[in-house]
Amino acid sequence: MDPTLLPGGRTTKAIIIDSLAENWPLSIKKLCFAVKKVSGKKLTYQAVYKSVKELLDDGVLSKQDGA
């Protein structure tokens, strides 16, 4: 099984994008709680932060000043 896939075949990054699309804006802390709730896995704050940073670096997400 691919370690990036969570139950239901979704990745952490896909869940992050979906969570932000539904509840924008979210802090990393609130986003972490949302991802944990949807995935049912014990993901760390650092794992969620790293995924968000990768999405920012890849241009999938953008950050606004003060957000």
Protein backbone atom coordinates (compact mmCIF):
# COMPACT_ATOMS: atom_id res chain seq x y z
CA MET A 1 0.00 0.00 0.00
CA ASP A 2 1.25 3.47 -0.85
CA PRO A 3 2.23 5.23 2.43
CA THR A 4 0.91 8.57 1.14
CA LEU A 5 -2.59 7.18 0.75
CA LEU A 6 -5.01 7.30 3.61
CA PRO A 7 -8.15 5.19 3.97
CA GLY A 8 -10.39 5.70 0.97
CA GLY A 9 -7.40 6.20 -1.34
CA ARG A 10 -7.01 9.92 -0.55
CA THR A 11 -3.72 11.61 0.15
CA THR A 12 -3.03 14.04 2.96
CA LYS A 13 -2.55 16.77 0.38
CA ALA A 14 -5.95 16.06 -1.21
CA ILE A 15 -7.62 16.27 2.18
CA ILE A 16 -5.82 19.58 2.89
CA ILE A 17 -7.02 21.06 -0.40
CA ASP A 18 -10.60 19.88 0.22
CA SER A 19 -10.58 21.21 3.79
CA LEU A 20 -9.32 24.62 2.68
CA ALA A 21 -11.84 24.74 -0.16
CA GLU A 22 -14.68 24.17 2.30
CA ASN A 23 -13.45 26.18 5.30
CA TRP A 24 -11.00 28.82 4.10
CA PRO A 25 -9.12 30.40 5.86
CA LEU A 26 -7.74 27.91 8.37
CA SER A 27 -4.64 28.14 10.51
CA ILE A 28 -2.24 25.20 10.31
CA LYS A 29 -3.44 24.11 13.75
CA LYS A 30 -7.11 24.08 12.71
CA LEU A 31 -6.20 22.48 9.39
CA CYS A 32 -4.36 19.74 11.27
CA PHE A 33 -7.47 18.98 13.35
CA ALA A 34 -9.62 18.91 10.18
CA VAL A 35 -7.23 16.54 8.38
CA LYS A 36 -7.06 14.23 11.40
CA LYS A 37 -10.86 14.16 11.63
CA VAL A 38 -11.34 13.34 7.94
CA SER A 39 -8.50 10.83 7.67
CA GLY A 40 -9.06 9.05 10.97
CA LYS A 41 -5.28 8.78 11.30
CA LYS A 42 -2.96 10.22 13.93
CA LEU A 43 -1.14 12.68 11.73
CA THR A 44 1.27 15.08 13.39
CA TYR A 45 1.22 18.84 13.12
CA GLN A 46 4.62 18.59 11.44
CA ALA A 47 3.30 16.22 8.77
CA VAL A 48 0.43 18.56 7.91
CA TYR A 49 2.77 21.58 7.94
CA LYS A 50 5.21 19.79 5.61
CA SER A 51 2.40 18.88 3.19
CA VAL A 52 1.13 22.48 3.17
CA LYS A 53 4.67 23.77 2.56
CA GLU A 54 5.08 21.36 -0.37
CA LEU A 55 1.75 22.51 -1.83
CA LEU A 56 2.92 26.13 -1.50
CA ASP A 57 6.28 25.33 -3.12
CA ASP A 58 4.54 23.51 -5.99
CA GLY A 59 2.22 26.48 -6.58
CA VAL A 60 -0.93 24.53 -5.74
CA LEU A 61 -1.67 26.83 -2.79
CA SER A 62 -0.81 30.48 -2.33
CA LYS A 63 -0.36 32.42 0.87
CA GLN A 64 -1.78 35.87 1.44
CA ASP A 65 -0.15 38.42 3.72
CA GLY A 66 -1.45 37.97 7.24
CA ALA A 67 -3.20 34.73 6.39
